[in-house]
Amino acid sequence: MASLAGSSLSLASFKPSLVPASRISKVKSISFSPRFPSLRSQPRRLRVSCAAKPETVKKVSEIVKKQLALPEDSSVNGESKFAALGADSLDTVEIVMGLEEAFGITVEEESAQSIATVQDAADLIEKLVEKKKAA
């Protein structure tokens, strides 16, 4: 039986009698204690990113700035959240409509609801543009 505590893995209750003798001889216990940075106890948010092209992110950023009437010098990048930029639900719908027009795509309502950042929008746009080209 294996147990994991903190960053060590211990097989202290390993029973060699359960494994054929030809494979293991005289094993009483096995202990591993390497660091497992991916097994930290703090909760982590999983983020999967398609890493849209920088040109797409830039174009989406410009459309977001225009739709939200943000000053030209305001910083909008891939990590910018629509809510943090002051967008309400109506603004978000207008942003999606602007993106559809600019990129010649159609965004399904379900997909549009998953967009929270400029990067999310850029990734979705590239996926939809590729899908459109393949059709």
N, C-alpha and C. Protein backbone atom coordinates (compact mmCIF):
# COMPACT_ATOMS: atom_id res chain seq x y z
N MET A 1 0.85 -1.18 0.00
CA MET A 1 0.00 0.00 0.00
C MET A 1 0.89 1.24 0.00
N ALA A 2 0.62 2.19 -0.82
CA ALA A 2 1.41 3.41 -0.91
C ALA A 2 0.69 4.51 -0.17
N SER A 3 1.48 5.43 0.39
CA SER A 3 0.87 6.60 1.03
C SER A 3 1.65 7.82 0.63
N LEU A 4 0.95 8.93 0.54
CA LEU A 4 1.56 10.19 0.13
C LEU A 4 1.31 11.21 1.21
N ALA A 5 2.37 11.76 1.78
CA ALA A 5 2.23 12.77 2.83
C ALA A 5 3.19 13.90 2.52
N GLY A 6 2.65 15.11 2.40
CA GLY A 6 3.49 16.26 2.07
C GLY A 6 4.14 16.05 0.73
N SER A 7 5.46 15.94 0.71
CA SER A 7 6.14 15.75 -0.56
C SER A 7 6.91 14.44 -0.60
N SER A 8 6.53 13.46 0.25
CA SER A 8 7.23 12.18 0.18
C SER A 8 6.24 11.07 -0.10
N LEU A 9 6.72 10.05 -0.76
CA LEU A 9 5.92 8.89 -1.11
C LEU A 9 6.54 7.72 -0.39
N SER A 10 5.74 6.98 0.35
CA SER A 10 6.26 5.87 1.13
C SER A 10 5.50 4.60 0.80
N LEU A 11 6.23 3.55 0.61
CA LEU A 11 5.64 2.24 0.39
C LEU A 11 6.00 1.33 1.56
N ALA A 12 5.90 1.86 2.77
CA ALA A 12 6.35 1.16 3.97
C ALA A 12 5.59 -0.12 4.22
N SER A 13 4.34 -0.19 3.87
CA SER A 13 3.57 -1.40 4.12
C SER A 13 3.56 -2.35 2.93
N PHE A 14 4.51 -2.19 2.04
CA PHE A 14 4.64 -3.04 0.86
C PHE A 14 4.89 -4.48 1.31
N LYS A 15 4.16 -5.42 0.78
CA LYS A 15 4.29 -6.82 1.18
C LYS A 15 4.92 -7.61 0.03
N PRO A 16 6.20 -7.98 0.18
CA PRO A 16 6.86 -8.72 -0.88
C PRO A 16 6.19 -10.06 -1.15
N SER A 17 5.48 -10.61 -0.18
CA SER A 17 4.83 -11.91 -0.38
C SER A 17 3.74 -11.85 -1.45
N LEU A 18 3.26 -10.63 -1.78
CA LEU A 18 2.23 -10.48 -2.78
C LEU A 18 2.79 -10.41 -4.20
N VAL A 19 4.12 -10.34 -4.30
CA VAL A 19 4.78 -10.24 -5.60
C VAL A 19 5.59 -11.52 -5.81
N PRO A 20 5.58 -12.09 -6.99
CA PRO A 20 6.35 -13.32 -7.24
C PRO A 20 7.82 -13.15 -6.84
N ALA A 21 8.38 -14.17 -6.22
CA ALA A 21 9.77 -14.12 -5.72
C ALA A 21 10.76 -13.88 -6.84
N SER A 22 10.41 -14.27 -8.05
CA SER A 22 11.34 -14.08 -9.16
C SER A 22 11.55 -12.60 -9.49
N ARG A 23 10.65 -11.75 -9.04
CA ARG A 23 10.75 -10.33 -9.35
C ARG A 23 11.41 -9.52 -8.23
N ILE A 24 11.14 -9.87 -7.00
CA ILE A 24 11.68 -9.10 -5.88
C ILE A 24 12.20 -10.07 -4.83
N SER A 25 13.36 -9.75 -4.28
CA SER A 25 13.87 -10.59 -3.21
C SER A 25 14.26 -9.74 -2.01
N LYS A 26 13.78 -10.13 -0.87
CA LYS A 26 14.12 -9.53 0.42
C LYS A 26 13.87 -8.03 0.49
N VAL A 27 12.73 -7.57 -0.01
CA VAL A 27 12.38 -6.16 0.06
C VAL A 27 11.51 -5.97 1.29
N LYS A 28 11.93 -5.10 2.20
CA LYS A 28 11.14 -4.85 3.40
C LYS A 28 10.35 -3.55 3.27
N SER A 29 10.95 -2.52 2.74
CA SER A 29 10.22 -1.27 2.53
C SER A 29 10.94 -0.45 1.47
N ILE A 30 10.15 0.38 0.83
CA ILE A 30 10.68 1.28 -0.20
C ILE A 30 10.19 2.67 0.16
N SER A 31 11.05 3.62 0.09
CA SER A 31 10.65 4.98 0.41
C SER A 31 11.22 5.95 -0.62
N PHE A 32 10.37 6.81 -1.14
CA PHE A 32 10.78 7.85 -2.07
C PHE A 32 10.52 9.18 -1.38
N SER A 33 11.44 10.12 -1.50
CA SER A 33 11.17 11.44 -0.94
C SER A 33 11.60 12.56 -1.85
N PRO A 34 11.35 12.45 -3.15
CA PRO A 34 11.62 13.60 -4.02
C PRO A 34 10.53 14.65 -3.86
N ARG A 35 10.80 15.82 -4.31
CA ARG A 35 9.81 16.90 -4.28
C ARG A 35 8.83 16.71 -5.43
N PHE A 36 7.56 16.87 -5.14
CA PHE A 36 6.52 16.81 -6.15
C PHE A 36 5.85 18.17 -6.21
N PRO A 37 6.40 19.14 -6.96
CA PRO A 37 5.82 20.47 -6.99
C PRO A 37 4.39 20.49 -7.53
N SER A 38 4.03 19.51 -8.33
CA SER A 38 2.68 19.51 -8.88
C SER A 38 1.65 18.98 -7.89
N LEU A 39 2.08 18.49 -6.74
CA LEU A 39 1.16 17.93 -5.75
C LEU A 39 1.06 18.80 -4.50
N ARG A 40 1.13 20.07 -4.65
CA ARG A 40 1.02 20.98 -3.52
C ARG A 40 -0.39 20.95 -2.96
N SER A 41 -0.52 21.24 -1.69
CA SER A 41 -1.84 21.18 -1.07
C SER A 41 -2.68 22.43 -1.35
N GLN A 42 -2.07 23.50 -1.85
CA GLN A 42 -2.86 24.69 -2.18
C GLN A 42 -3.67 24.44 -3.43
N PRO A 43 -4.92 24.90 -3.43
CA PRO A 43 -5.73 24.73 -4.63
C PRO A 43 -5.17 25.58 -5.76
N ARG A 44 -5.19 25.04 -6.94
CA ARG A 44 -4.69 25.76 -8.11
C ARG A 44 -5.76 25.76 -9.18
N ARG A 45 -5.81 26.83 -9.92
CA ARG A 45 -6.76 26.93 -11.02
C ARG A 45 -6.07 26.39 -12.27
N LEU A 46 -6.70 25.45 -12.89
CA LEU A 46 -6.16 24.88 -14.11
C LEU A 46 -6.50 25.80 -15.26
N ARG A 47 -5.50 26.18 -16.00
CA ARG A 47 -5.74 27.04 -17.15
C ARG A 47 -5.11 26.41 -18.38
N VAL A 48 -5.91 26.16 -19.34
CA VAL A 48 -5.45 25.61 -20.59
C VAL A 48 -5.52 26.73 -21.62
N SER A 49 -4.43 26.98 -22.26
CA SER A 49 -4.40 28.07 -23.21
C SER A 49 -3.88 27.59 -24.55
N CYS A 50 -4.54 28.03 -25.58
CA CYS A 50 -4.10 27.68 -26.94
C CYS A 50 -3.01 28.64 -27.41
N ALA A 51 -2.76 29.67 -26.63
CA ALA A 51 -1.76 30.67 -26.98
C ALA A 51 -1.99 31.24 -28.38
N ALA A 52 -3.04 32.02 -28.49
CA ALA A 52 -3.38 32.66 -29.76
C ALA A 52 -2.21 33.52 -30.24
N LYS A 53 -2.18 33.75 -31.53
CA LYS A 53 -1.13 34.58 -32.12
C LYS A 53 -1.17 35.97 -31.51
N PRO A 54 0.00 36.59 -31.33
CA PRO A 54 0.04 37.94 -30.78
C PRO A 54 -0.79 38.94 -31.58
N GLU A 55 -0.84 38.75 -32.91
CA GLU A 55 -1.62 39.68 -33.75
C GLU A 55 -3.11 39.59 -33.40
N THR A 56 -3.57 38.36 -33.12
CA THR A 56 -4.98 38.17 -32.77
C THR A 56 -5.28 38.83 -31.43
N VAL A 57 -4.39 38.61 -30.46
CA VAL A 57 -4.58 39.21 -29.13
C VAL A 57 -4.60 40.74 -29.25
N LYS A 58 -3.70 41.28 -30.08
CA LYS A 58 -3.63 42.74 -30.26
C LYS A 58 -4.93 43.26 -30.89
N LYS A 59 -5.42 42.59 -31.91
CA LYS A 59 -6.64 43.03 -32.58
C LYS A 59 -7.84 42.95 -31.62
N VAL A 60 -7.92 41.87 -30.83
CA VAL A 60 -8.99 41.74 -29.84
C VAL A 60 -8.88 42.86 -28.81
N SER A 61 -7.67 43.16 -28.37
CA SER A 61 -7.46 44.24 -27.40
C SER A 61 -7.95 45.57 -27.93
N GLU A 62 -7.67 45.84 -29.21
CA GLU A 62 -8.11 47.09 -29.83
C GLU A 62 -9.64 47.16 -29.91
N ILE A 63 -10.27 46.04 -30.25
CA ILE A 63 -11.73 45.99 -30.33
C ILE A 63 -12.34 46.20 -28.95
N VAL A 64 -11.75 45.58 -27.93
CA VAL A 64 -12.25 45.75 -26.56
C VAL A 64 -12.13 47.21 -26.13
N LYS A 65 -10.97 47.82 -26.40
CA LYS A 65 -10.78 49.24 -26.07
C LYS A 65 -11.85 50.10 -26.74
N LYS A 66 -12.10 49.83 -28.02
CA LYS A 66 -13.09 50.62 -28.77
C LYS A 66 -14.49 50.42 -28.20
N GLN A 67 -14.88 49.17 -27.96
CA GLN A 67 -16.22 48.88 -27.46
C GLN A 67 -16.47 49.46 -26.07
N LEU A 68 -15.43 49.49 -25.24
CA LEU A 68 -15.57 50.01 -23.88
C LEU A 68 -15.19 51.49 -23.77
N ALA A 69 -14.86 52.10 -24.91
CA ALA A 69 -14.46 53.51 -24.95
C ALA A 69 -13.35 53.81 -23.95
N LEU A 70 -12.34 52.93 -23.94
CA LEU A 70 -11.20 53.12 -23.03
C LEU A 70 -10.21 54.10 -23.64
N PRO A 71 -9.49 54.84 -22.81
CA PRO A 71 -8.47 55.76 -23.34
C PRO A 71 -7.41 54.99 -24.14
N GLU A 72 -6.86 55.63 -25.14
CA GLU A 72 -5.88 55.01 -26.02
C GLU A 72 -4.67 54.48 -25.25
N ASP A 73 -4.29 55.16 -24.16
CA ASP A 73 -3.11 54.75 -23.41
C ASP A 73 -3.41 53.68 -22.36
N SER A 74 -4.66 53.22 -22.26
CA SER A 74 -4.98 52.19 -21.27
C SER A 74 -4.37 50.86 -21.69
N SER A 75 -3.95 50.09 -20.70
CA SER A 75 -3.28 48.81 -20.96
C SER A 75 -4.29 47.68 -21.02
N VAL A 76 -4.42 47.10 -22.19
CA VAL A 76 -5.28 45.94 -22.39
C VAL A 76 -4.42 44.87 -23.04
N ASN A 77 -4.28 43.72 -22.35
CA ASN A 77 -3.48 42.62 -22.89
C ASN A 77 -4.23 41.31 -22.74
N GLY A 78 -3.60 40.21 -23.03
CA GLY A 78 -4.25 38.91 -22.97
C GLY A 78 -4.84 38.55 -21.63
N GLU A 79 -4.20 38.99 -20.56
CA GLU A 79 -4.67 38.67 -19.22
C GLU A 79 -5.76 39.62 -18.72
N SER A 80 -6.05 40.65 -19.46
CA SER A 80 -7.07 41.63 -19.04
C SER A 80 -8.45 40.97 -19.00
N LYS A 81 -9.10 41.11 -17.84
CA LYS A 81 -10.45 40.57 -17.68
C LYS A 81 -11.46 41.65 -18.05
N PHE A 82 -12.49 41.24 -18.77
CA PHE A 82 -13.51 42.20 -19.19
C PHE A 82 -14.13 42.91 -17.98
N ALA A 83 -14.42 42.17 -16.93
CA ALA A 83 -15.03 42.76 -15.74
C ALA A 83 -14.11 43.80 -15.10
N ALA A 84 -12.81 43.51 -15.08
CA ALA A 84 -11.84 44.45 -14.50
C ALA A 84 -11.72 45.72 -15.34
N LEU A 85 -12.04 45.61 -16.63
CA LEU A 85 -12.00 46.77 -17.52
C LEU A 85 -13.30 47.57 -17.44
N GLY A 86 -14.25 47.10 -16.64
CA GLY A 86 -15.51 47.82 -16.46
C GLY A 86 -16.64 47.34 -17.34
N ALA A 87 -16.48 46.18 -17.98
CA ALA A 87 -17.52 45.67 -18.87
C ALA A 87 -18.62 44.97 -18.08
N ASP A 88 -19.87 45.32 -18.39
CA ASP A 88 -20.99 44.59 -17.81
C ASP A 88 -21.45 43.56 -18.85
N SER A 89 -22.54 42.86 -18.58
CA SER A 89 -22.98 41.81 -19.50
C SER A 89 -23.34 42.35 -20.88
N LEU A 90 -23.95 43.52 -20.93
CA LEU A 90 -24.30 44.12 -22.22
C LEU A 90 -23.03 44.49 -23.00
N ASP A 91 -22.04 45.05 -22.30
CA ASP A 91 -20.77 45.38 -22.95
C ASP A 91 -20.12 44.12 -23.52
N THR A 92 -20.19 43.03 -22.76
CA THR A 92 -19.59 41.78 -23.22
C THR A 92 -20.27 41.28 -24.49
N VAL A 93 -21.60 41.39 -24.55
CA VAL A 93 -22.33 41.00 -25.75
C VAL A 93 -21.89 41.87 -26.93
N GLU A 94 -21.74 43.17 -26.71
CA GLU A 94 -21.30 44.08 -27.77
C GLU A 94 -19.88 43.77 -28.22
N ILE A 95 -19.02 43.39 -27.27
CA ILE A 95 -17.64 43.01 -27.61
C ILE A 95 -17.67 41.78 -28.51
N VAL A 96 -18.46 40.79 -28.13
CA VAL A 96 -18.55 39.56 -28.93
C VAL A 96 -19.08 39.87 -30.33
N MET A 97 -20.08 40.73 -30.41
CA MET A 97 -20.62 41.12 -31.72
C MET A 97 -19.55 41.82 -32.57
N GLY A 98 -18.77 42.69 -31.94
CA GLY A 98 -17.68 43.37 -32.64
C GLY A 98 -16.62 42.39 -33.12
N LEU A 99 -16.33 41.38 -32.31
CA LEU A 99 -15.36 40.37 -32.70
C LEU A 99 -15.87 39.52 -33.85
N GLU A 100 -17.16 39.18 -33.80
CA GLU A 100 -17.76 38.41 -34.89
C GLU A 100 -17.66 39.16 -36.21
N GLU A 101 -17.95 40.45 -36.16
CA GLU A 101 -17.90 41.28 -37.37
C GLU A 101 -16.47 41.42 -37.89
N ALA A 102 -15.54 41.68 -36.97
CA ALA A 102 -14.15 41.91 -37.37
C ALA A 102 -13.47 40.66 -37.93
N PHE A 103 -13.82 39.50 -37.41
CA PHE A 103 -13.15 38.27 -37.83
C PHE A 103 -14.00 37.41 -38.76
N GLY A 104 -15.24 37.82 -39.04
CA GLY A 104 -16.10 37.07 -39.95
C GLY A 104 -16.49 35.70 -39.42
N ILE A 105 -16.78 35.64 -38.12
CA ILE A 105 -17.13 34.38 -37.48
C ILE A 105 -18.47 34.51 -36.76
N THR A 106 -18.98 33.39 -36.30
CA THR A 106 -20.18 33.38 -35.47
C THR A 106 -19.84 32.67 -34.17
N VAL A 107 -20.08 33.34 -33.05
CA VAL A 107 -19.77 32.77 -31.74
C VAL A 107 -21.08 32.29 -31.12
N GLU A 108 -21.13 31.01 -30.79
CA GLU A 108 -22.31 30.44 -30.15
C GLU A 108 -22.45 31.03 -28.75
N GLU A 109 -23.69 31.13 -28.28
CA GLU A 109 -23.95 31.73 -26.96
C GLU A 109 -23.20 31.00 -25.85
N GLU A 110 -23.17 29.68 -25.92
CA GLU A 110 -22.48 28.90 -24.90
C GLU A 110 -20.99 29.23 -24.85
N SER A 111 -20.37 29.38 -26.02
CA SER A 111 -18.95 29.73 -26.10
C SER A 111 -18.72 31.15 -25.62
N ALA A 112 -19.64 32.05 -25.96
CA ALA A 112 -19.50 33.45 -25.57
C ALA A 112 -19.53 33.60 -24.05
N GLN A 113 -20.28 32.76 -23.37
CA GLN A 113 -20.38 32.84 -21.91
C GLN A 113 -19.09 32.41 -21.22
N SER A 114 -18.25 31.67 -21.92
CA SER A 114 -16.99 31.21 -21.32
C SER A 114 -15.86 32.22 -21.47
N ILE A 115 -16.11 33.31 -22.19
CA ILE A 115 -15.08 34.32 -22.42
C ILE A 115 -15.03 35.28 -21.23
N ALA A 116 -13.88 35.32 -20.57
CA ALA A 116 -13.70 36.23 -19.43
C ALA A 116 -12.54 37.19 -19.65
N THR A 117 -11.57 36.78 -20.47
CA THR A 117 -10.39 37.61 -20.71
C THR A 117 -10.17 37.82 -22.20
N VAL A 118 -9.30 38.74 -22.51
CA VAL A 118 -8.92 39.00 -23.91
C VAL A 118 -8.30 37.73 -24.51
N GLN A 119 -7.49 37.03 -23.72
CA GLN A 119 -6.85 35.79 -24.19
C GLN A 119 -7.91 34.73 -24.50
N ASP A 120 -8.93 34.60 -23.64
CA ASP A 120 -10.01 33.65 -23.90
C ASP A 120 -10.66 33.95 -25.25
N ALA A 121 -10.92 35.22 -25.49
CA ALA A 121 -11.56 35.64 -26.75
C ALA A 121 -10.65 35.33 -27.94
N ALA A 122 -9.38 35.65 -27.82
CA ALA A 122 -8.43 35.42 -28.92
C ALA A 122 -8.30 33.93 -29.22
N ASP A 123 -8.23 33.11 -28.18
CA ASP A 123 -8.13 31.66 -28.37
C ASP A 123 -9.37 31.13 -29.08
N LEU A 124 -10.54 31.57 -28.65
CA LEU A 124 -11.79 31.12 -29.26
C LEU A 124 -11.88 31.56 -30.72
N ILE A 125 -11.47 32.79 -30.98
CA ILE A 125 -11.50 33.31 -32.35
C ILE A 125 -10.62 32.46 -33.27
N GLU A 126 -9.41 32.17 -32.83
CA GLU A 126 -8.52 31.37 -33.68
C GLU A 126 -9.09 29.98 -33.91
N LYS A 127 -9.71 29.41 -32.91
CA LYS A 127 -10.33 28.10 -33.05
C LYS A 127 -11.48 28.16 -34.08
N LEU A 128 -12.30 29.20 -33.98
CA LEU A 128 -13.42 29.34 -34.90
C LEU A 128 -12.97 29.66 -36.33
N VAL A 129 -11.93 30.46 -36.46
CA VAL A 129 -11.40 30.79 -37.80
C VAL A 129 -10.85 29.53 -38.45
N GLU A 130 -10.11 28.70 -37.68
CA GLU A 130 -9.56 27.44 -38.22
C GLU A 130 -10.70 26.50 -38.62
N LYS A 131 -11.72 26.44 -37.78
CA LYS A 131 -12.88 25.59 -38.08
C LYS A 131 -13.57 26.05 -39.37
N LYS A 132 -13.67 27.37 -39.54
CA LYS A 132 -14.31 27.94 -40.72
C LYS A 132 -13.49 27.62 -41.99
N LYS A 133 -12.16 27.70 -41.87
CA LYS A 133 -11.29 27.40 -43.00
C LYS A 133 -11.39 25.93 -43.40
N ALA A 134 -11.53 25.06 -42.41
CA ALA A 134 -11.60 23.62 -42.67
C ALA A 134 -12.93 23.21 -43.31
N ALA A 135 -13.97 24.02 -43.11
CA ALA A 135 -15.29 23.67 -43.64
C ALA A 135 -15.44 23.98 -45.11
